[in-house]
Amino acid sequence: MPNIKSMDATPQRPGGDRLVDAPLTELDLEQFIDDIKDESTWKESDRNSITLHKSPNYVVVLIGLHEKAEMKPHNAEGIMSLQVLKGTIDFIVETKKIEMKKGNMIVLHENIFHSICAQEDSFLLLTIAKTSEEK
């Protein structure tokens, strides 16, 4: 049976006690979006995020980006998926720009550089699954 891991509350997230790894973890994405919007980081910068699940082989992160926020070129150390929950973004990989709207999702293999630019306030669900060679 896997270990159960939780995140403790922090000054940024005083009500932040939550499970991040358990045999079963329920996630209310709409509530997490509301939580992100209520935090000072969202109000004072161009982005905010929260790790919803983190185990040795799998990570789930909710990302909020304000309009015109950019994530500079970077890569994931695992196969990733990115789903737009709200808003519209440009997903750029190599020389290809893909406009993604609510309900769109991409899957990208590990170590491929990509960047993101939000066309409007947007919320994204990122998952990264590490391959067996990376464990």
N, C-alpha and C. Protein backbone atom coordinates (compact mmCIF):
# COMPACT_ATOMS: atom_id res chain seq x y z
N MET A 1 0.85 -1.18 0.00
CA MET A 1 0.00 0.00 0.00
C MET A 1 0.89 1.24 0.00
N PRO A 2 0.61 2.24 -0.85
CA PRO A 2 1.45 3.43 -0.91
C PRO A 2 1.34 4.25 0.37
N ASN A 3 2.41 5.00 0.63
CA ASN A 3 2.36 5.93 1.75
C ASN A 3 1.36 7.03 1.47
N ILE A 4 0.77 7.54 2.51
CA ILE A 4 -0.13 8.68 2.37
C ILE A 4 0.68 9.93 2.67
N LYS A 5 0.66 10.89 1.75
CA LYS A 5 1.40 12.14 1.92
C LYS A 5 0.41 13.29 1.92
N SER A 6 0.72 14.28 2.72
CA SER A 6 -0.13 15.47 2.74
C SER A 6 0.75 16.71 2.73
N MET A 7 0.14 17.83 2.36
CA MET A 7 0.80 19.13 2.41
C MET A 7 0.24 19.86 3.62
N ASP A 8 1.13 20.46 4.40
CA ASP A 8 0.70 21.22 5.55
C ASP A 8 0.28 22.62 5.12
N ALA A 9 -0.50 23.25 5.97
CA ALA A 9 -0.88 24.64 5.73
C ALA A 9 0.38 25.51 5.76
N THR A 10 0.36 26.57 4.97
CA THR A 10 1.47 27.53 4.93
C THR A 10 0.88 28.93 5.08
N PRO A 11 1.74 29.94 5.29
CA PRO A 11 1.19 31.31 5.33
C PRO A 11 0.43 31.65 4.04
N GLN A 12 0.91 31.13 2.90
CA GLN A 12 0.24 31.36 1.62
C GLN A 12 -1.11 30.65 1.56
N ARG A 13 -1.16 29.45 2.15
CA ARG A 13 -2.38 28.63 2.13
C ARG A 13 -2.69 28.16 3.55
N PRO A 14 -3.21 29.06 4.39
CA PRO A 14 -3.46 28.69 5.79
C PRO A 14 -4.46 27.54 5.94
N GLY A 15 -5.36 27.38 5.01
CA GLY A 15 -6.30 26.26 5.05
C GLY A 15 -5.84 25.13 4.15
N GLY A 16 -4.54 25.08 3.89
CA GLY A 16 -3.99 24.22 2.86
C GLY A 16 -3.71 22.79 3.22
N ASP A 17 -4.07 22.33 4.41
CA ASP A 17 -3.87 20.91 4.71
C ASP A 17 -4.64 20.08 3.69
N ARG A 18 -3.91 19.26 2.94
CA ARG A 18 -4.58 18.45 1.92
C ARG A 18 -3.72 17.26 1.56
N LEU A 19 -4.36 16.19 1.14
CA LEU A 19 -3.65 15.01 0.66
C LEU A 19 -3.04 15.30 -0.70
N VAL A 20 -1.81 14.83 -0.92
CA VAL A 20 -1.22 14.93 -2.26
C VAL A 20 -0.86 13.55 -2.81
N ASP A 21 -0.93 12.52 -1.97
CA ASP A 21 -0.70 11.16 -2.45
C ASP A 21 -1.39 10.19 -1.49
N ALA A 22 -2.33 9.45 -2.01
CA ALA A 22 -3.06 8.46 -1.23
C ALA A 22 -3.62 7.44 -2.21
N PRO A 23 -4.05 6.28 -1.73
CA PRO A 23 -4.64 5.30 -2.64
C PRO A 23 -5.82 5.87 -3.43
N LEU A 24 -6.54 6.81 -2.85
CA LEU A 24 -7.64 7.49 -3.54
C LEU A 24 -7.64 8.95 -3.10
N THR A 25 -7.59 9.85 -4.06
CA THR A 25 -7.62 11.28 -3.76
C THR A 25 -8.71 11.92 -4.60
N GLU A 26 -9.67 12.55 -3.94
CA GLU A 26 -10.73 13.26 -4.67
C GLU A 26 -10.30 14.71 -4.83
N LEU A 27 -10.54 15.28 -6.02
CA LEU A 27 -10.12 16.64 -6.32
C LEU A 27 -11.29 17.43 -6.89
N ASP A 28 -11.63 18.52 -6.25
CA ASP A 28 -12.67 19.42 -6.73
C ASP A 28 -11.97 20.56 -7.47
N LEU A 29 -11.83 20.43 -8.78
CA LEU A 29 -11.06 21.40 -9.55
C LEU A 29 -11.65 22.80 -9.49
N GLU A 30 -12.97 22.91 -9.52
CA GLU A 30 -13.60 24.24 -9.43
C GLU A 30 -13.25 24.91 -8.10
N GLN A 31 -13.24 24.14 -7.02
CA GLN A 31 -12.89 24.70 -5.71
C GLN A 31 -11.43 25.13 -5.68
N PHE A 32 -10.55 24.32 -6.27
CA PHE A 32 -9.13 24.69 -6.31
C PHE A 32 -8.92 25.95 -7.16
N ILE A 33 -9.67 26.10 -8.24
CA ILE A 33 -9.57 27.32 -9.05
C ILE A 33 -9.99 28.52 -8.21
N ASP A 34 -11.10 28.39 -7.48
CA ASP A 34 -11.54 29.48 -6.60
C ASP A 34 -10.49 29.79 -5.54
N ASP A 35 -9.88 28.75 -4.98
CA ASP A 35 -8.83 28.94 -3.96
C ASP A 35 -7.66 29.72 -4.54
N ILE A 36 -7.21 29.34 -5.73
CA ILE A 36 -6.09 30.04 -6.38
C ILE A 36 -6.43 31.51 -6.59
N LYS A 37 -7.65 31.78 -7.05
CA LYS A 37 -8.06 33.16 -7.32
C LYS A 37 -8.11 34.01 -6.04
N ASP A 38 -8.34 33.37 -4.90
CA ASP A 38 -8.42 34.10 -3.63
C ASP A 38 -7.05 34.41 -3.04
N GLU A 39 -6.00 33.78 -3.52
CA GLU A 39 -4.67 33.96 -2.93
C GLU A 39 -4.00 35.23 -3.42
N SER A 40 -3.15 35.78 -2.56
CA SER A 40 -2.45 37.02 -2.90
C SER A 40 -1.53 36.85 -4.11
N THR A 41 -0.96 35.66 -4.28
CA THR A 41 -0.08 35.43 -5.43
C THR A 41 -0.82 35.67 -6.74
N TRP A 42 -2.07 35.21 -6.83
CA TRP A 42 -2.87 35.42 -8.04
C TRP A 42 -3.15 36.89 -8.25
N LYS A 43 -3.40 37.60 -7.17
CA LYS A 43 -3.75 39.01 -7.27
C LYS A 43 -2.54 39.89 -7.57
N GLU A 44 -1.34 39.44 -7.18
CA GLU A 44 -0.15 40.27 -7.27
C GLU A 44 0.81 39.88 -8.39
N SER A 45 0.60 38.73 -9.03
CA SER A 45 1.52 38.32 -10.09
C SER A 45 0.73 37.84 -11.30
N ASP A 46 1.44 37.32 -12.28
CA ASP A 46 0.76 36.91 -13.52
C ASP A 46 0.36 35.44 -13.52
N ARG A 47 0.59 34.73 -12.38
CA ARG A 47 0.25 33.30 -12.34
C ARG A 47 0.18 32.80 -10.92
N ASN A 48 -0.37 31.60 -10.79
CA ASN A 48 -0.40 30.89 -9.51
C ASN A 48 -0.63 29.43 -9.84
N SER A 49 -0.21 28.55 -8.96
CA SER A 49 -0.41 27.12 -9.19
C SER A 49 -0.49 26.39 -7.86
N ILE A 50 -1.01 25.18 -7.94
CA ILE A 50 -1.09 24.33 -6.76
C ILE A 50 -0.88 22.88 -7.20
N THR A 51 -0.02 22.18 -6.47
CA THR A 51 0.20 20.76 -6.72
C THR A 51 -0.95 19.98 -6.09
N LEU A 52 -1.66 19.23 -6.91
CA LEU A 52 -2.82 18.48 -6.44
C LEU A 52 -2.46 17.04 -6.09
N HIS A 53 -1.47 16.49 -6.77
CA HIS A 53 -1.02 15.11 -6.50
C HIS A 53 0.46 15.04 -6.81
N LYS A 54 1.19 14.36 -5.94
CA LYS A 54 2.62 14.18 -6.20
C LYS A 54 3.07 12.85 -5.63
N SER A 55 3.45 11.96 -6.53
CA SER A 55 4.02 10.68 -6.14
C SER A 55 5.30 10.50 -6.95
N PRO A 56 6.08 9.48 -6.67
CA PRO A 56 7.34 9.33 -7.41
C PRO A 56 7.17 9.25 -8.93
N ASN A 57 6.03 8.76 -9.40
CA ASN A 57 5.85 8.54 -10.83
C ASN A 57 4.82 9.44 -11.51
N TYR A 58 4.12 10.26 -10.74
CA TYR A 58 2.98 10.99 -11.31
C TYR A 58 2.77 12.30 -10.55
N VAL A 59 2.60 13.38 -11.30
CA VAL A 59 2.37 14.70 -10.70
C VAL A 59 1.18 15.35 -11.40
N VAL A 60 0.31 15.99 -10.62
CA VAL A 60 -0.83 16.74 -11.16
C VAL A 60 -0.77 18.15 -10.57
N VAL A 61 -0.76 19.15 -11.45
CA VAL A 61 -0.66 20.54 -11.03
C VAL A 61 -1.76 21.35 -11.71
N LEU A 62 -2.44 22.18 -10.94
CA LEU A 62 -3.40 23.15 -11.48
C LEU A 62 -2.66 24.47 -11.62
N ILE A 63 -2.68 25.03 -12.82
CA ILE A 63 -1.96 26.27 -13.13
C ILE A 63 -2.96 27.33 -13.54
N GLY A 64 -2.85 28.51 -12.95
CA GLY A 64 -3.64 29.66 -13.35
C GLY A 64 -2.72 30.70 -13.97
N LEU A 65 -3.08 31.21 -15.14
CA LEU A 65 -2.30 32.24 -15.83
C LEU A 65 -3.20 33.42 -16.15
N HIS A 66 -2.73 34.62 -15.81
CA HIS A 66 -3.45 35.81 -16.23
C HIS A 66 -3.22 36.06 -17.72
N GLU A 67 -4.09 36.85 -18.31
CA GLU A 67 -3.93 37.23 -19.72
C GLU A 67 -2.52 37.76 -19.96
N LYS A 68 -1.89 37.30 -21.02
CA LYS A 68 -0.55 37.67 -21.47
C LYS A 68 0.58 37.08 -20.64
N ALA A 69 0.25 36.27 -19.62
CA ALA A 69 1.31 35.59 -18.87
C ALA A 69 2.01 34.60 -19.80
N GLU A 70 3.32 34.49 -19.65
CA GLU A 70 4.09 33.57 -20.48
C GLU A 70 4.87 32.60 -19.61
N MET A 71 4.90 31.37 -20.04
CA MET A 71 5.80 30.38 -19.46
C MET A 71 6.89 30.16 -20.50
N LYS A 72 8.08 30.60 -20.17
CA LYS A 72 9.21 30.53 -21.10
C LYS A 72 9.51 29.08 -21.47
N PRO A 73 10.27 28.85 -22.55
CA PRO A 73 10.55 27.47 -22.97
C PRO A 73 11.13 26.63 -21.84
N HIS A 74 10.54 25.47 -21.68
CA HIS A 74 10.94 24.51 -20.64
C HIS A 74 10.54 23.12 -21.12
N ASN A 75 10.95 22.10 -20.39
CA ASN A 75 10.57 20.74 -20.75
C ASN A 75 10.14 19.98 -19.51
N ALA A 76 9.43 18.89 -19.72
CA ALA A 76 8.98 18.04 -18.62
C ALA A 76 9.79 16.76 -18.65
N GLU A 77 10.13 16.28 -17.46
CA GLU A 77 10.91 15.05 -17.35
C GLU A 77 9.96 13.85 -17.25
N GLY A 78 9.08 13.76 -18.20
CA GLY A 78 8.12 12.67 -18.27
C GLY A 78 7.10 13.00 -19.35
N ILE A 79 6.28 12.03 -19.67
CA ILE A 79 5.20 12.29 -20.62
C ILE A 79 4.18 13.19 -19.93
N MET A 80 3.78 14.24 -20.60
CA MET A 80 2.87 15.19 -19.97
C MET A 80 1.59 15.34 -20.77
N SER A 81 0.54 15.70 -20.05
CA SER A 81 -0.69 16.14 -20.72
C SER A 81 -1.04 17.50 -20.14
N LEU A 82 -1.66 18.31 -20.96
CA LEU A 82 -2.09 19.64 -20.54
C LEU A 82 -3.49 19.85 -21.07
N GLN A 83 -4.42 20.09 -20.16
CA GLN A 83 -5.82 20.32 -20.52
C GLN A 83 -6.22 21.72 -20.11
N VAL A 84 -6.88 22.44 -21.01
CA VAL A 84 -7.38 23.77 -20.69
C VAL A 84 -8.76 23.61 -20.03
N LEU A 85 -8.85 24.06 -18.78
CA LEU A 85 -10.11 24.00 -18.05
C LEU A 85 -10.94 25.26 -18.26
N LYS A 86 -10.25 26.40 -18.36
CA LYS A 86 -10.89 27.70 -18.61
C LYS A 86 -9.93 28.55 -19.40
N GLY A 87 -10.47 29.38 -20.29
CA GLY A 87 -9.64 30.33 -21.01
C GLY A 87 -9.10 29.82 -22.33
N THR A 88 -8.09 30.54 -22.85
CA THR A 88 -7.45 30.23 -24.13
C THR A 88 -5.96 30.51 -24.00
N ILE A 89 -5.16 29.58 -24.51
CA ILE A 89 -3.70 29.74 -24.49
C ILE A 89 -3.13 29.42 -25.86
N ASP A 90 -1.91 29.87 -26.08
CA ASP A 90 -1.10 29.41 -27.20
C ASP A 90 -0.06 28.46 -26.61
N PHE A 91 -0.01 27.24 -27.15
CA PHE A 91 0.98 26.25 -26.75
C PHE A 91 1.97 26.17 -27.90
N ILE A 92 3.23 26.48 -27.63
CA ILE A 92 4.23 26.54 -28.68
C ILE A 92 5.25 25.43 -28.47
N VAL A 93 5.42 24.60 -29.48
CA VAL A 93 6.43 23.55 -29.45
C VAL A 93 7.20 23.63 -30.77
N GLU A 94 8.53 23.78 -30.64
CA GLU A 94 9.40 24.00 -31.78
C GLU A 94 8.85 25.18 -32.58
N THR A 95 8.49 25.00 -33.83
CA THR A 95 7.99 26.12 -34.64
C THR A 95 6.48 26.09 -34.79
N LYS A 96 5.80 25.23 -34.05
CA LYS A 96 4.35 25.09 -34.18
C LYS A 96 3.64 25.77 -33.01
N LYS A 97 2.65 26.61 -33.33
CA LYS A 97 1.83 27.26 -32.31
C LYS A 97 0.42 26.68 -32.41
N ILE A 98 -0.06 26.18 -31.27
CA ILE A 98 -1.39 25.57 -31.21
C ILE A 98 -2.26 26.40 -30.28
N GLU A 99 -3.38 26.90 -30.81
CA GLU A 99 -4.33 27.60 -29.94
C GLU A 99 -5.18 26.55 -29.23
N MET A 100 -5.21 26.65 -27.91
CA MET A 100 -5.98 25.70 -27.10
C MET A 100 -7.03 26.45 -26.30
N LYS A 101 -8.26 25.95 -26.36
CA LYS A 101 -9.38 26.54 -25.63
C LYS A 101 -9.93 25.54 -24.63
N LYS A 102 -10.88 25.99 -23.84
CA LYS A 102 -11.51 25.12 -22.84
C LYS A 102 -11.90 23.79 -23.49
N GLY A 103 -11.48 22.70 -22.83
CA GLY A 103 -11.80 21.37 -23.32
C GLY A 103 -10.73 20.77 -24.21
N ASN A 104 -9.77 21.58 -24.68
CA ASN A 104 -8.68 21.04 -25.50
C ASN A 104 -7.59 20.45 -24.61
N MET A 105 -6.91 19.44 -25.15
CA MET A 105 -5.86 18.77 -24.40
C MET A 105 -4.77 18.33 -25.36
N ILE A 106 -3.52 18.39 -24.90
CA ILE A 106 -2.40 17.87 -25.68
C ILE A 106 -1.65 16.86 -24.82
N VAL A 107 -0.94 15.98 -25.49
CA VAL A 107 -0.03 15.04 -24.84
C VAL A 107 1.32 15.22 -25.51
N LEU A 108 2.37 15.30 -24.70
CA LEU A 108 3.70 15.58 -25.22
C LEU A 108 4.70 14.65 -24.53
N HIS A 109 5.57 14.05 -25.33
CA HIS A 109 6.59 13.17 -24.76
C HIS A 109 7.61 13.97 -23.97
N GLU A 110 8.38 13.26 -23.15
CA GLU A 110 9.33 13.90 -22.26
C GLU A 110 10.44 14.62 -23.02
N ASN A 111 10.98 15.63 -22.34
CA ASN A 111 12.16 16.38 -22.79
C ASN A 111 11.97 17.12 -24.11
N ILE A 112 10.74 17.49 -24.45
CA ILE A 112 10.48 18.32 -25.62
C ILE A 112 10.20 19.74 -25.12
N PHE A 113 11.00 20.69 -25.56
CA PHE A 113 10.84 22.06 -25.09
C PHE A 113 9.56 22.67 -25.66
N HIS A 114 8.88 23.41 -24.82
CA HIS A 114 7.62 24.05 -25.19
C HIS A 114 7.44 25.30 -24.34
N SER A 115 6.56 26.18 -24.78
CA SER A 115 6.23 27.38 -24.02
C SER A 115 4.73 27.63 -24.12
N ILE A 116 4.26 28.52 -23.25
CA ILE A 116 2.82 28.80 -23.18
C ILE A 116 2.63 30.30 -23.04
N CYS A 117 1.62 30.83 -23.72
CA CYS A 117 1.22 32.22 -23.56
C CYS A 117 -0.30 32.26 -23.43
N ALA A 118 -0.78 32.90 -22.37
CA ALA A 118 -2.22 32.98 -22.13
C ALA A 118 -2.82 34.12 -22.93
N GLN A 119 -3.83 33.83 -23.73
CA GLN A 119 -4.55 34.86 -24.47
C GLN A 119 -5.55 35.58 -23.58
N GLU A 120 -5.98 34.91 -22.52
CA GLU A 120 -6.91 35.47 -21.54
C GLU A 120 -6.65 34.72 -20.24
N ASP A 121 -7.25 35.17 -19.14
CA ASP A 121 -7.10 34.43 -17.89
C ASP A 121 -7.47 32.97 -18.16
N SER A 122 -6.59 32.06 -17.76
CA SER A 122 -6.76 30.65 -18.10
C SER A 122 -6.35 29.75 -16.94
N PHE A 123 -6.98 28.59 -16.89
CA PHE A 123 -6.63 27.57 -15.90
C PHE A 123 -6.37 26.27 -16.63
N LEU A 124 -5.24 25.64 -16.27
CA LEU A 124 -4.75 24.46 -16.96
C LEU A 124 -4.52 23.33 -15.97
N LEU A 125 -4.77 22.11 -16.42
CA LEU A 125 -4.48 20.94 -15.61
C LEU A 125 -3.32 20.21 -16.26
N LEU A 126 -2.19 20.21 -15.57
CA LEU A 126 -0.97 19.58 -16.05
C LEU A 126 -0.78 18.24 -15.34
N THR A 127 -0.50 17.20 -16.09
CA THR A 127 -0.12 15.91 -15.51
C THR A 127 1.21 15.49 -16.13
N ILE A 128 2.07 14.95 -15.29
CA ILE A 128 3.36 14.43 -15.76
C ILE A 128 3.51 13.02 -15.22
N ALA A 129 3.73 12.08 -16.14
CA ALA A 129 3.97 10.69 -15.77
C ALA A 129 5.41 10.35 -16.15
N LYS A 130 6.20 10.00 -15.16
CA LYS A 130 7.59 9.65 -15.44
C LYS A 130 7.64 8.26 -16.05
N THR A 131 8.49 8.13 -17.06
CA THR A 131 8.65 6.82 -17.69
C THR A 131 9.53 5.95 -16.81
N SER A 132 9.53 4.66 -17.06
CA SER A 132 10.26 3.72 -16.21
C SER A 132 11.75 4.03 -16.15
N GLU A 133 12.32 4.57 -17.21
CA GLU A 133 13.74 4.91 -17.21
C GLU A 133 14.04 6.07 -16.28
N GLU A 134 13.04 6.89 -15.95
CA GLU A 134 13.26 8.10 -15.16
C GLU A 134 12.96 7.92 -13.69
N LYS A 135 12.42 6.80 -13.29
CA LYS A 135 12.01 6.59 -11.89
C LYS A 135 13.17 6.65 -10.95
